[in-house]
Amino acid sequence: MEFNIRPYAQQYDYLTSKTRFLAFIGGIGTGKSFILCGKALLKALNNPGFHGVITAPNIPMLRQTTKRMFIDICPPELIAYNNETENIIGIYAYDTTTNTTKISEIFFRSTTDEESLRGTNLLWAAMDEAALSSKMAFNILAGRIRAGPVEEQQLFIASTPKGMNWMYDLFGPHVIRGGYEHVYAEIYDNPYLAKEYVDAITERYSGNFKLQELSGQFVSHEGTVYDNFNPGKHVGNYQYNPELSVDLGWDFGYPNISAIPVLQQDGKGHVYLIDEIYKYHALEEDLVAECRNRQWFGGIRDAICDEARPDLIKRLVNLGLPARSSRKGKIIEGI
């Protein structure tokens, strides 16, 4: 029987670690899904009759990437059954204490519905591309790991960072905490990648996105758009200047939140946020009335609105505002 697992140094550290909460954090081409599935297979073989789960952030990723990777790694003679309906694979595992062959089941689940992860007692759990799943999913899985030998119980994840989210809080480079371990890898650490591939990928990325996607670094807070934002430089007490015109942004939100940032430009490339209206369950009539009570109302030059609601833009025009539709540009990656 031949196992198609030849880990490089960082992968080996991850594969052999028994730390209860373990993360393999790396960029593109570091073999994250590969080594996660390899570790899951070894868990199933080394713990006959006990069960584990492998998750992915959504069903397409689970079926097309994670589960397919596991099947590619696993020798076919070890697969007792592959239940496509229930997304369960049974693995033949030899129990040396009883000299019998048992079946270790591996459940394949999406973390889209975290509540569906409850209910099963597990020896181990593995989260592929964990940064795209929620902390609740991680916590629920952590609570399910209570079967089998304590020293074999483990929740291990593999992922590229996606900002400084919950994964950074638990497995960031600053974390020194008992029961938690992180292994970091860059695309350049993988000796099995062709140089031509690495060079081609490297040319496509730059800046912080390159550090995240290729080096697996935590580079900015989750959802950050302007990663050069400096509170010391960009935050201040900016007051309304009656000599400058006022521009409004208008994000329709009823029945939830409506937001109106109030801006002034000084003609020198600087834009100042001088005010903001932020209200729940507010009709446009109520919001316009709120605007009329502000000292800057008479200086309004433009009101740029979400193009998705032309009916509400027309209502604002009828209420006396110079409202117009925004021009929807390309959504910034990461939002």
C-alpha atoms as a PDB file:
ATOM      1  CA  MET A   1       0.000   0.000   0.000  1.00  0.00           C
ATOM      2  CA  GLU A   2       1.435   3.376  -1.042  1.00  0.00           C
ATOM      3  CA  PHE A   3       0.524   6.691   0.555  1.00  0.00           C
ATOM      4  CA  ASN A   4       0.852   9.678  -1.702  1.00  0.00           C
ATOM      5  CA  ILE A   5       2.004  11.961   1.126  1.00  0.00           C
ATOM      6  CA  ARG A   6       5.519  13.414   0.976  1.00  0.00           C
ATOM      7  CA  PRO A   7       5.450  16.395   3.310  1.00  0.00           C
ATOM      8  CA  TYR A   8       8.041  19.123   3.253  1.00  0.00           C
ATOM      9  CA  ALA A   9       9.367  20.496   6.548  1.00  0.00           C
ATOM     10  CA  GLN A  10       6.442  22.717   7.597  1.00  0.00           C
ATOM     11  CA  GLN A  11       3.906  20.120   6.482  1.00  0.00           C
ATOM     12  CA  TYR A  12       5.713  17.448   8.483  1.00  0.00           C
ATOM     13  CA  ASP A  13       5.549  19.576  11.626  1.00  0.00           C
ATOM     14  CA  TYR A  14       1.808  19.974  11.114  1.00  0.00           C
ATOM     15  CA  LEU A  15       1.276  16.312  10.258  1.00  0.00           C
ATOM     16  CA  THR A  16       3.008  15.020  13.382  1.00  0.00           C
ATOM     17  CA  SER A  17       1.798  17.596  15.921  1.00  0.00           C
ATOM     18  CA  LYS A  18      -0.717  16.460  18.525  1.00  0.00           C
ATOM     19  CA  THR A  19      -1.475  19.915  19.931  1.00  0.00           C
ATOM     20  CA  ARG A  20      -5.210  20.066  20.559  1.00  0.00           C
ATOM     21  CA  PHE A  21      -5.812  23.198  18.467  1.00  0.00           C
ATOM     22  CA  LEU A  22      -3.516  23.345  15.467  1.00  0.00           C
ATOM     23  CA  ALA A  23      -3.325  25.594  12.402  1.00  0.00           C
ATOM     24  CA  PHE A  24      -1.429  25.334   9.120  1.00  0.00           C
ATOM     25  CA  ILE A  25      -1.398  28.879   7.770  1.00  0.00           C
ATOM     26  CA  GLY A  26      -0.029  29.431   4.298  1.00  0.00           C
ATOM     27  CA  GLY A  27      -0.453  31.054   0.939  1.00  0.00           C
ATOM     28  CA  ILE A  28      -1.356  29.693  -2.470  1.00  0.00           C
ATOM     29  CA  GLY A  29       0.599  26.586  -3.394  1.00  0.00           C
ATOM     30  CA  THR A  30       1.626  25.605   0.122  1.00  0.00           C
ATOM     31  CA  GLY A  31      -0.490  22.433   0.027  1.00  0.00           C
ATOM     32  CA  LYS A  32      -2.961  23.385   2.735  1.00  0.00           C
ATOM     33  CA  SER A  33      -5.836  21.133   1.675  1.00  0.00           C
ATOM     34  CA  PHE A  34      -3.385  18.359   0.793  1.00  0.00           C
ATOM     35  CA  ILE A  35      -1.763  18.173   4.198  1.00  0.00           C
ATOM     36  CA  LEU A  36      -5.058  18.676   6.051  1.00  0.00           C
ATOM     37  CA  CYS A  37      -6.575  15.692   4.225  1.00  0.00           C
ATOM     38  CA  GLY A  38      -3.408  13.682   4.775  1.00  0.00           C
ATOM     39  CA  LYS A  39      -3.572  14.337   8.502  1.00  0.00           C
ATOM     40  CA  ALA A  40      -7.269  13.427   8.530  1.00  0.00           C
ATOM     41  CA  LEU A  41      -6.522  10.095   6.845  1.00  0.00           C
ATOM     42  CA  LEU A  42      -3.823   9.275   9.398  1.00  0.00           C
ATOM     43  CA  LYS A  43      -6.214  10.174  12.204  1.00  0.00           C
ATOM     44  CA  ALA A  44      -8.763   7.724  10.825  1.00  0.00           C
ATOM     45  CA  LEU A  45      -6.183   4.936  10.382  1.00  0.00           C
ATOM     46  CA  ASN A  46      -4.524   5.392  13.758  1.00  0.00           C
ATOM     47  CA  ASN A  47      -7.796   5.473  15.686  1.00  0.00           C
ATOM     48  CA  PRO A  48      -9.920   2.526  14.480  1.00  0.00           C
ATOM     49  CA  GLY A  49     -13.648   2.900  15.002  1.00  0.00           C
ATOM     50  CA  PHE A  50     -13.557   6.570  15.960  1.00  0.00           C
ATOM     51  CA  HIS A  51     -15.026   9.306  13.816  1.00  0.00           C
ATOM     52  CA  GLY A  52     -13.979  12.705  12.554  1.00  0.00           C
ATOM     53  CA  VAL A  53     -15.264  15.498  10.345  1.00  0.00           C
ATOM     54  CA  ILE A  54     -13.727  17.533   7.533  1.00  0.00           C
ATOM     55  CA  THR A  55     -15.340  20.885   6.775  1.00  0.00           C
ATOM     56  CA  ALA A  56     -15.166  23.510   4.059  1.00  0.00           C
ATOM     57  CA  PRO A  57     -16.801  26.965   3.968  1.00  0.00           C
ATOM     58  CA  ASN A  58     -19.463  25.938   1.422  1.00  0.00           C
ATOM     59  CA  ILE A  59     -20.814  22.921  -0.449  1.00  0.00           C
ATOM     60  CA  PRO A  60     -19.091  23.600  -3.822  1.00  0.00           C
ATOM     61  CA  MET A  61     -15.685  23.961  -2.143  1.00  0.00           C
ATOM     62  CA  LEU A  62     -16.356  20.861  -0.050  1.00  0.00           C
ATOM     63  CA  ARG A  63     -17.205  18.702  -3.077  1.00  0.00           C
ATOM     64  CA  GLN A  64     -14.902  20.131  -5.710  1.00  0.00           C
ATOM     65  CA  THR A  65     -11.783  20.688  -3.622  1.00  0.00           C
ATOM     66  CA  THR A  66     -11.638  19.237  -0.120  1.00  0.00           C
ATOM     67  CA  LYS A  67     -13.414  15.906  -0.569  1.00  0.00           C
ATOM     68  CA  ARG A  68     -11.841  15.354  -3.971  1.00  0.00           C
ATOM     69  CA  MET A  69      -8.401  15.957  -2.464  1.00  0.00           C
ATOM     70  CA  PHE A  70      -9.085  13.405   0.270  1.00  0.00           C
ATOM     71  CA  ILE A  71     -10.149  10.757  -2.256  1.00  0.00           C
ATOM     72  CA  ASP A  72      -7.062  11.445  -4.371  1.00  0.00           C
ATOM     73  CA  ILE A  73      -4.786  10.938  -1.361  1.00  0.00           C
ATOM     74  CA  CYS A  74      -6.516   7.918   0.137  1.00  0.00           C
ATOM     75  CA  PRO A  75      -5.598   4.508  -1.356  1.00  0.00           C
ATOM     76  CA  PRO A  76      -8.861   3.091  -2.786  1.00  0.00           C
ATOM     77  CA  GLU A  77      -8.458  -0.219  -0.921  1.00  0.00           C
ATOM     78  CA  LEU A  78      -8.849   1.687   2.366  1.00  0.00           C
ATOM     79  CA  ILE A  79     -12.288   3.038   1.448  1.00  0.00           C
ATOM     80  CA  ALA A  80     -14.993   0.784   2.886  1.00  0.00           C
ATOM     81  CA  TYR A  81     -17.758   2.955   1.427  1.00  0.00           C
ATOM     82  CA  ASN A  82     -18.384   6.419   0.036  1.00  0.00           C
ATOM     83  CA  ASN A  83     -21.916   7.516   0.826  1.00  0.00           C
ATOM     84  CA  GLU A  84     -22.493  10.452  -1.544  1.00  0.00           C
ATOM     85  CA  THR A  85     -25.976  11.113  -0.183  1.00  0.00           C
ATOM     86  CA  GLU A  86     -24.848  11.538   3.422  1.00  0.00           C
ATOM     87  CA  ASN A  87     -21.337  12.768   2.512  1.00  0.00           C
ATOM     88  CA  ILE A  88     -19.655  10.111   4.654  1.00  0.00           C
ATOM     89  CA  ILE A  89     -16.598   8.013   3.826  1.00  0.00           C
ATOM     90  CA  GLY A  90     -15.806   4.883   5.801  1.00  0.00           C
ATOM     91  CA  ILE A  91     -12.135   3.975   6.200  1.00  0.00           C
ATOM     92  CA  TYR A  92     -10.860   0.472   6.996  1.00  0.00           C
ATOM     93  CA  ALA A  93      -8.586   0.742  10.046  1.00  0.00           C
ATOM     94  CA  TYR A  94      -6.793  -2.188  11.676  1.00  0.00           C
ATOM     95  CA  ASP A  95      -7.041  -2.367  15.472  1.00  0.00           C
ATOM     96  CA  THR A  96      -3.825  -3.934  16.783  1.00  0.00           C
ATOM     97  CA  THR A  97      -5.269  -4.371  20.283  1.00  0.00           C
ATOM     98  CA  THR A  98      -8.064  -6.684  19.092  1.00  0.00           C
ATOM     99  CA  ASN A  99      -6.528  -7.837  15.795  1.00  0.00           C
ATOM    100  CA  THR A 100      -9.684  -6.809  13.977  1.00  0.00           C
ATOM    101  CA  THR A 101     -10.498  -4.381  11.205  1.00  0.00           C
ATOM    102  CA  LYS A 102     -12.858  -1.592  12.132  1.00  0.00           C
ATOM    103  CA  ILE A 103     -14.354   1.304  10.214  1.00  0.00           C
ATOM    104  CA  SER A 104     -13.525   4.903  11.031  1.00  0.00           C
ATOM    105  CA  GLU A 105     -16.110   7.255   9.557  1.00  0.00           C
ATOM    106  CA  ILE A 106     -15.278  10.681   8.167  1.00  0.00           C
ATOM    107  CA  PHE A 107     -18.127  13.149   7.772  1.00  0.00           C
ATOM    108  CA  PHE A 108     -17.777  15.889   5.154  1.00  0.00           C
ATOM    109  CA  ARG A 109     -19.706  19.024   6.091  1.00  0.00           C
ATOM    110  CA  SER A 110     -20.122  22.655   5.077  1.00  0.00           C
ATOM    111  CA  THR A 111     -19.841  25.327   7.775  1.00  0.00           C
ATOM    112  CA  THR A 112     -22.444  27.505   6.050  1.00  0.00           C
ATOM    113  CA  ASP A 113     -24.999  26.310   8.596  1.00  0.00           C
ATOM    114  CA  GLU A 114     -23.031  26.164  11.848  1.00  0.00           C
ATOM    115  CA  GLU A 115     -25.885  24.582  13.772  1.00  0.00           C
ATOM    116  CA  SER A 116     -25.738  21.490  11.552  1.00  0.00           C
ATOM    117  CA  LEU A 117     -22.303  20.737  13.037  1.00  0.00           C
ATOM    118  CA  ARG A 118     -23.820  19.929  16.417  1.00  0.00           C
ATOM    119  CA  GLY A 119     -24.801  16.485  17.644  1.00  0.00           C
ATOM    120  CA  THR A 120     -21.948  14.161  16.699  1.00  0.00           C
ATOM    121  CA  ASN A 121     -19.297  13.042  19.162  1.00  0.00           C
ATOM    122  CA  LEU A 122     -15.923  13.228  17.429  1.00  0.00           C
ATOM    123  CA  LEU A 123     -12.309  12.325  18.050  1.00  0.00           C
ATOM    124  CA  TRP A 124     -11.058  14.990  15.645  1.00  0.00           C
ATOM    125  CA  ALA A 125     -12.209  17.734  13.294  1.00  0.00           C
ATOM    126  CA  ALA A 126     -10.474  19.413  10.351  1.00  0.00           C
ATOM    127  CA  MET A 127     -11.432  22.789   8.838  1.00  0.00           C
ATOM    128  CA  ASP A 128     -10.250  23.523   5.305  1.00  0.00           C
ATOM    129  CA  GLU A 129      -9.888  27.246   4.441  1.00  0.00           C
ATOM    130  CA  ALA A 130     -10.997  27.975   7.976  1.00  0.00           C
ATOM    131  CA  ALA A 131     -10.678  31.763   7.667  1.00  0.00           C
ATOM    132  CA  LEU A 132     -13.732  31.688   5.387  1.00  0.00           C
ATOM    133  CA  SER A 133     -15.756  29.965   8.104  1.00  0.00           C
ATOM    134  CA  SER A 134     -16.978  31.576  11.299  1.00  0.00           C
ATOM    135  CA  LYS A 135     -15.564  31.459  14.794  1.00  0.00           C
ATOM    136  CA  MET A 136     -18.883  29.945  15.864  1.00  0.00           C
ATOM    137  CA  ALA A 137     -18.221  26.982  13.568  1.00  0.00           C
ATOM    138  CA  PHE A 138     -14.785  26.560  15.147  1.00  0.00           C
ATOM    139  CA  ASN A 139     -16.249  26.743  18.664  1.00  0.00           C
ATOM    140  CA  ILE A 140     -19.031  24.272  17.897  1.00  0.00           C
ATOM    141  CA  LEU A 141     -16.546  21.764  16.477  1.00  0.00           C
ATOM    142  CA  ALA A 142     -14.270  22.261  19.474  1.00  0.00           C
ATOM    143  CA  GLY A 143     -17.191  21.284  21.700  1.00  0.00           C
ATOM    144  CA  ARG A 144     -17.851  18.073  19.731  1.00  0.00           C
ATOM    145  CA  ILE A 145     -14.342  16.648  20.229  1.00  0.00           C
ATOM    146  CA  ARG A 146     -14.828  14.417  23.235  1.00  0.00           C
ATOM    147  CA  ALA A 147     -14.580  10.815  21.992  1.00  0.00           C
ATOM    148  CA  GLY A 148     -11.608   8.474  22.190  1.00  0.00           C
ATOM    149  CA  PRO A 149      -8.190   8.911  23.771  1.00  0.00           C
ATOM    150  CA  VAL A 150      -7.634  12.447  25.049  1.00  0.00           C
ATOM    151  CA  GLU A 151      -4.151  12.592  23.546  1.00  0.00           C
ATOM    152  CA  GLU A 152      -5.633  11.949  20.084  1.00  0.00           C
ATOM    153  CA  GLN A 153      -8.402  14.536  20.346  1.00  0.00           C
ATOM    154  CA  GLN A 154      -7.645  17.410  18.010  1.00  0.00           C
ATOM    155  CA  LEU A 155      -9.136  20.248  15.996  1.00  0.00           C
ATOM    156  CA  PHE A 156      -6.803  21.162  13.164  1.00  0.00           C
ATOM    157  CA  ILE A 157      -7.321  23.789  10.497  1.00  0.00           C
ATOM    158  CA  ALA A 158      -5.615  24.930   7.297  1.00  0.00           C
ATOM    159  CA  SER A 159      -6.140  28.289   5.644  1.00  0.00           C
ATOM    160  CA  THR A 160      -4.826  31.382   3.947  1.00  0.00           C
ATOM    161  CA  PRO A 161      -5.415  34.415   6.203  1.00  0.00           C
ATOM    162  CA  LYS A 162      -8.330  36.700   5.357  1.00  0.00           C
ATOM    163  CA  GLY A 163      -7.531  39.760   7.418  1.00  0.00           C
ATOM    164  CA  MET A 164      -7.090  39.864  11.159  1.00  0.00           C
ATOM    165  CA  ASN A 165     -10.230  37.960  12.025  1.00  0.00           C
ATOM    166  CA  TRP A 166     -10.879  35.231  14.597  1.00  0.00           C
ATOM    167  CA  MET A 167      -8.137  33.050  13.114  1.00  0.00           C
ATOM    168  CA  TYR A 168      -5.601  35.804  13.816  1.00  0.00           C
ATOM    169  CA  ASP A 169      -6.869  36.074  17.395  1.00  0.00           C
ATOM    170  CA  LEU A 170      -6.366  32.334  17.985  1.00  0.00           C
ATOM    171  CA  PHE A 171      -3.393  31.501  15.758  1.00  0.00           C
ATOM    172  CA  GLY A 172      -1.673  34.785  14.906  1.00  0.00           C
ATOM    173  CA  PRO A 173       2.126  35.042  15.259  1.00  0.00           C
ATOM    174  CA  HIS A 174       1.672  36.927  18.534  1.00  0.00           C
ATOM    175  CA  VAL A 175      -0.261  34.095  20.205  1.00  0.00           C
ATOM    176  CA  ILE A 176       1.564  32.069  22.849  1.00  0.00           C
ATOM    177  CA  ARG A 177      -1.089  29.952  24.493  1.00  0.00           C
ATOM    178  CA  GLY A 178      -1.152  26.458  25.880  1.00  0.00           C
ATOM    179  CA  GLY A 179      -3.002  23.985  23.672  1.00  0.00           C
ATOM    180  CA  TYR A 180      -2.650  26.158  20.543  1.00  0.00           C
ATOM    181  CA  GLU A 181      -0.003  25.836  17.832  1.00  0.00           C
ATOM    182  CA  HIS A 182       0.491  27.425  14.422  1.00  0.00           C
ATOM    183  CA  VAL A 183       2.686  26.378  11.506  1.00  0.00           C
ATOM    184  CA  TYR A 184       3.409  28.952   8.794  1.00  0.00           C
ATOM    185  CA  ALA A 185       4.398  28.311   5.179  1.00  0.00           C
ATOM    186  CA  GLU A 186       5.023  30.391   2.069  1.00  0.00           C
ATOM    187  CA  ILE A 187       4.654  29.369  -1.546  1.00  0.00           C
ATOM    188  CA  TYR A 188       8.467  29.461  -1.738  1.00  0.00           C
ATOM    189  CA  ASP A 189       8.725  26.744   0.946  1.00  0.00           C
ATOM    190  CA  ASN A 190       7.109  24.074  -1.212  1.00  0.00           C
ATOM    191  CA  PRO A 191       9.906  22.207  -3.059  1.00  0.00           C
ATOM    192  CA  TYR A 192       7.425  20.308  -5.223  1.00  0.00           C
ATOM    193  CA  LEU A 193       6.245  23.383  -7.142  1.00  0.00           C
ATOM    194  CA  ALA A 194       7.790  24.141 -10.521  1.00  0.00           C
ATOM    195  CA  LYS A 195       9.833  27.339 -10.584  1.00  0.00           C
ATOM    196  CA  GLU A 196       7.881  28.484 -13.643  1.00  0.00           C
ATOM    197  CA  TYR A 197       4.622  28.212 -11.697  1.00  0.00           C
ATOM    198  CA  VAL A 198       5.976  30.118  -8.700  1.00  0.00           C
ATOM    199  CA  ASP A 199       7.394  32.863 -10.941  1.00  0.00           C
ATOM    200  CA  ALA A 200       4.131  33.191 -12.881  1.00  0.00           C
ATOM    201  CA  ILE A 201       2.055  33.444  -9.707  1.00  0.00           C
ATOM    202  CA  THR A 202       4.459  35.871  -8.061  1.00  0.00           C
ATOM    203  CA  GLU A 203       4.202  38.286 -10.992  1.00  0.00           C
ATOM    204  CA  ARG A 204       0.437  38.543 -10.553  1.00  0.00           C
ATOM    205  CA  TYR A 205       0.457  39.864  -6.997  1.00  0.00           C
ATOM    206  CA  SER A 206       1.828  42.900  -5.210  1.00  0.00           C
ATOM    207  CA  GLY A 207       1.693  44.738  -1.889  1.00  0.00           C
ATOM    208  CA  ASN A 208      -0.267  43.430   1.059  1.00  0.00           C
ATOM    209  CA  PHE A 209      -2.345  41.139  -1.119  1.00  0.00           C
ATOM    210  CA  LYS A 210       0.865  39.387  -2.183  1.00  0.00           C
ATOM    211  CA  LEU A 211       1.951  38.999   1.450  1.00  0.00           C
ATOM    212  CA  GLN A 212      -1.409  37.440   2.281  1.00  0.00           C
ATOM    213  CA  GLU A 213      -1.942  35.219  -0.737  1.00  0.00           C
ATOM    214  CA  LEU A 214       1.620  33.979  -1.288  1.00  0.00           C
ATOM    215  CA  SER A 215       3.293  34.281   2.107  1.00  0.00           C
ATOM    216  CA  GLY A 216       0.277  33.529   4.289  1.00  0.00           C
ATOM    217  CA  GLN A 217       0.722  36.661   6.384  1.00  0.00           C
ATOM    218  CA  PHE A 218      -1.953  38.486   8.362  1.00  0.00           C
ATOM    219  CA  VAL A 219      -1.708  41.896   6.728  1.00  0.00           C
ATOM    220  CA  SER A 220      -4.809  43.921   7.587  1.00  0.00           C
ATOM    221  CA  HIS A 221      -7.981  43.815   9.604  1.00  0.00           C
ATOM    222  CA  GLU A 222     -10.869  41.901   8.094  1.00  0.00           C
ATOM    223  CA  GLY A 223     -12.819  44.152   5.741  1.00  0.00           C
ATOM    224  CA  THR A 224     -10.114  46.823   5.573  1.00  0.00           C
ATOM    225  CA  VAL A 225     -10.294  48.797   2.316  1.00  0.00           C
ATOM    226  CA  TYR A 226      -7.659  51.478   2.902  1.00  0.00           C
ATOM    227  CA  ASP A 227      -4.810  49.616   4.564  1.00  0.00           C
ATOM    228  CA  ASN A 228      -2.742  52.814   4.849  1.00  0.00           C
ATOM    229  CA  PHE A 229      -5.318  54.395   7.158  1.00  0.00           C
ATOM    230  CA  ASN A 230      -3.597  56.146  10.062  1.00  0.00           C
ATOM    231  CA  PRO A 231      -5.842  57.352  12.908  1.00  0.00           C
ATOM    232  CA  GLY A 232      -3.217  59.830  14.055  1.00  0.00           C
ATOM    233  CA  LYS A 233      -3.184  61.444  10.638  1.00  0.00           C
ATOM    234  CA  HIS A 234      -6.685  60.919   9.326  1.00  0.00           C
ATOM    235  CA  VAL A 235      -8.884  61.388  12.384  1.00  0.00           C
ATOM    236  CA  GLY A 236      -9.607  64.884  13.661  1.00  0.00           C
ATOM    237  CA  ASN A 237     -12.329  67.306  14.680  1.00  0.00           C
ATOM    238  CA  TYR A 238     -13.311  68.703  11.284  1.00  0.00           C
ATOM    239  CA  GLN A 239     -16.045  71.332  11.393  1.00  0.00           C
ATOM    240  CA  TYR A 240     -18.384  72.599   8.699  1.00  0.00           C
ATOM    241  CA  ASN A 241     -16.798  75.305   6.532  1.00  0.00           C
ATOM    242  CA  PRO A 242     -19.541  77.543   5.060  1.00  0.00           C
ATOM    243  CA  GLU A 243     -17.199  78.584   2.261  1.00  0.00           C
ATOM    244  CA  LEU A 244     -17.079  75.035   0.876  1.00  0.00           C
ATOM    245  CA  SER A 245     -19.924  73.066  -0.697  1.00  0.00           C
ATOM    246  CA  VAL A 246     -21.342  69.934   0.879  1.00  0.00           C
ATOM    247  CA  ASP A 247     -21.693  66.501  -0.730  1.00  0.00           C
ATOM    248  CA  LEU A 248     -23.841  63.722   0.692  1.00  0.00           C
ATOM    249  CA  GLY A 249     -23.573  59.989   0.258  1.00  0.00           C
ATOM    250  CA  TRP A 250     -26.933  58.279   0.677  1.00  0.00           C
ATOM    251  CA  ASP A 251     -27.191  54.587   1.483  1.00  0.00           C
ATOM    252  CA  PHE A 252     -30.829  53.502   1.596  1.00  0.00           C
ATOM    253  CA  GLY A 253     -31.458  51.079   4.404  1.00  0.00           C
ATOM    254  CA  TYR A 254     -35.116  51.054   5.442  1.00  0.00           C
ATOM    255  CA  PRO A 255     -36.330  49.098   7.352  1.00  0.00           C
ATOM    256  CA  ASN A 256     -32.810  48.554   8.687  1.00  0.00           C
ATOM    257  CA  ILE A 257     -30.027  51.164   8.781  1.00  0.00           C
ATOM    258  CA  SER A 258     -29.762  54.241   6.571  1.00  0.00           C
ATOM    259  CA  ALA A 259     -26.414  56.039   6.456  1.00  0.00           C
ATOM    260  CA  ILE A 260     -25.621  59.523   5.149  1.00  0.00           C
ATOM    261  CA  PRO A 261     -21.964  60.620   5.304  1.00  0.00           C
ATOM    262  CA  VAL A 262     -21.551  64.413   4.950  1.00  0.00           C
ATOM    263  CA  LEU A 263     -18.395  65.482   3.104  1.00  0.00           C
ATOM    264  CA  GLN A 264     -16.535  68.624   2.118  1.00  0.00           C
ATOM    265  CA  GLN A 265     -13.639  68.916  -0.348  1.00  0.00           C
ATOM    266  CA  ASP A 266     -11.065  71.677  -0.077  1.00  0.00           C
ATOM    267  CA  GLY A 267      -9.943  71.623  -3.722  1.00  0.00           C
ATOM    268  CA  LYS A 268      -6.454  70.433  -2.719  1.00  0.00           C
ATOM    269  CA  GLY A 269      -7.151  66.736  -2.831  1.00  0.00           C
ATOM    270  CA  HIS A 270      -8.474  66.498   0.725  1.00  0.00           C
ATOM    271  CA  VAL A 271     -11.927  65.218   1.649  1.00  0.00           C
ATOM    272  CA  TYR A 272     -13.317  65.814   5.139  1.00  0.00           C
ATOM    273  CA  LEU A 273     -16.099  63.867   6.827  1.00  0.00           C
ATOM    274  CA  ILE A 274     -17.778  66.604   8.852  1.00  0.00           C
ATOM    275  CA  ASP A 275     -20.954  64.819   9.901  1.00  0.00           C
ATOM    276  CA  GLU A 276     -22.924  61.613   9.548  1.00  0.00           C
ATOM    277  CA  ILE A 277     -26.559  60.662   9.900  1.00  0.00           C
ATOM    278  CA  TYR A 278     -27.064  57.052  10.880  1.00  0.00           C
ATOM    279  CA  LYS A 279     -30.599  55.886  11.692  1.00  0.00           C
ATOM    280  CA  TYR A 280     -32.675  52.751  12.018  1.00  0.00           C
ATOM    281  CA  HIS A 281     -36.196  52.435  10.571  1.00  0.00           C
ATOM    282  CA  ALA A 282     -36.129  55.944   9.070  1.00  0.00           C
ATOM    283  CA  LEU A 283     -38.138  56.963   6.014  1.00  0.00           C
ATOM    284  CA  GLU A 284     -36.600  59.341   3.482  1.00  0.00           C
ATOM    285  CA  GLU A 285     -38.944  62.121   4.648  1.00  0.00           C
ATOM    286  CA  ASP A 286     -37.593  61.739   8.188  1.00  0.00           C
ATOM    287  CA  LEU A 287     -33.995  61.725   6.986  1.00  0.00           C
ATOM    288  CA  VAL A 288     -34.475  64.863   4.885  1.00  0.00           C
ATOM    289  CA  ALA A 289     -36.073  66.570   7.883  1.00  0.00           C
ATOM    290  CA  GLU A 290     -33.005  65.601   9.915  1.00  0.00           C
ATOM    291  CA  CYS A 291     -30.771  67.129   7.236  1.00  0.00           C
ATOM    292  CA  ARG A 292     -32.741  70.376   7.287  1.00  0.00           C
ATOM    293  CA  ASN A 293     -31.929  70.755  10.972  1.00  0.00           C
ATOM    294  CA  ARG A 294     -28.168  70.684  10.330  1.00  0.00           C
ATOM    295  CA  GLN A 295     -26.221  73.903   9.729  1.00  0.00           C
ATOM    296  CA  TRP A 296     -24.700  72.575   6.501  1.00  0.00           C
ATOM    297  CA  PHE A 297     -28.045  71.916   4.767  1.00  0.00           C
ATOM    298  CA  GLY A 298     -27.978  75.126   2.744  1.00  0.00           C
ATOM    299  CA  GLY A 299     -24.573  74.255   1.298  1.00  0.00           C
ATOM    300  CA  ILE A 300     -25.551  70.916  -0.259  1.00  0.00           C
ATOM    301  CA  ARG A 301     -24.220  70.634  -3.812  1.00  0.00           C
ATOM    302  CA  ASP A 302     -24.719  66.932  -4.478  1.00  0.00           C
ATOM    303  CA  ALA A 303     -26.424  63.872  -2.990  1.00  0.00           C
ATOM    304  CA  ILE A 304     -25.046  60.667  -4.456  1.00  0.00           C
ATOM    305  CA  CYS A 305     -27.343  57.712  -3.862  1.00  0.00           C
ATOM    306  CA  ASP A 306     -27.368  53.950  -4.197  1.00  0.00           C
ATOM    307  CA  GLU A 307     -28.401  53.210  -7.784  1.00  0.00           C
ATOM    308  CA  ALA A 308     -30.387  50.168  -6.658  1.00  0.00           C
ATOM    309  CA  ARG A 309     -33.329  52.356  -5.551  1.00  0.00           C
ATOM    310  CA  PRO A 310     -34.312  54.774  -8.346  1.00  0.00           C
ATOM    311  CA  ASP A 311     -37.745  55.142  -6.728  1.00  0.00           C
ATOM    312  CA  LEU A 312     -36.209  56.539  -3.544  1.00  0.00           C
ATOM    313  CA  ILE A 313     -33.857  58.796  -5.505  1.00  0.00           C
ATOM    314  CA  LYS A 314     -36.891  60.305  -7.198  1.00  0.00           C
ATOM    315  CA  ARG A 315     -38.522  60.784  -3.801  1.00  0.00           C
ATOM    316  CA  LEU A 316     -35.462  62.699  -2.561  1.00  0.00           C
ATOM    317  CA  VAL A 317     -35.587  64.943  -5.627  1.00  0.00           C
ATOM    318  CA  ASN A 318     -39.254  65.649  -4.911  1.00  0.00           C
ATOM    319  CA  LEU A 319     -38.242  66.552  -1.348  1.00  0.00           C
ATOM    320  CA  GLY A 320     -35.843  69.187  -2.657  1.00  0.00           C
ATOM    321  CA  LEU A 321     -32.463  67.447  -2.657  1.00  0.00           C
ATOM    322  CA  PRO A 322     -30.092  67.404  -5.674  1.00  0.00           C
ATOM    323  CA  ALA A 323     -30.130  63.602  -5.589  1.00  0.00           C
ATOM    324  CA  ARG A 324     -28.653  61.410  -8.309  1.00  0.00           C
ATOM    325  CA  SER A 325     -27.608  57.816  -8.806  1.00  0.00           C
ATOM    326  CA  SER A 326     -24.091  56.665  -8.109  1.00  0.00           C
ATOM    327  CA  ARG A 327     -22.084  54.980 -10.800  1.00  0.00           C
ATOM    328  CA  LYS A 328     -21.458  51.501  -9.522  1.00  0.00           C
ATOM    329  CA  GLY A 329     -17.792  50.660  -9.914  1.00  0.00           C
ATOM    330  CA  LYS A 330     -15.932  47.422  -9.378  1.00  0.00           C
ATOM    331  CA  ILE A 331     -16.384  46.122  -5.858  1.00  0.00           C
ATOM    332  CA  ILE A 332     -13.068  46.255  -4.028  1.00  0.00           C
ATOM    333  CA  GLU A 333     -11.777  42.770  -3.312  1.00  0.00           C
ATOM    334  CA  GLY A 334     -12.169  41.838   0.319  1.00  0.00           C
ATOM    335  CA  ILE A 335     -15.411  43.713   1.003  1.00  0.00           C
END
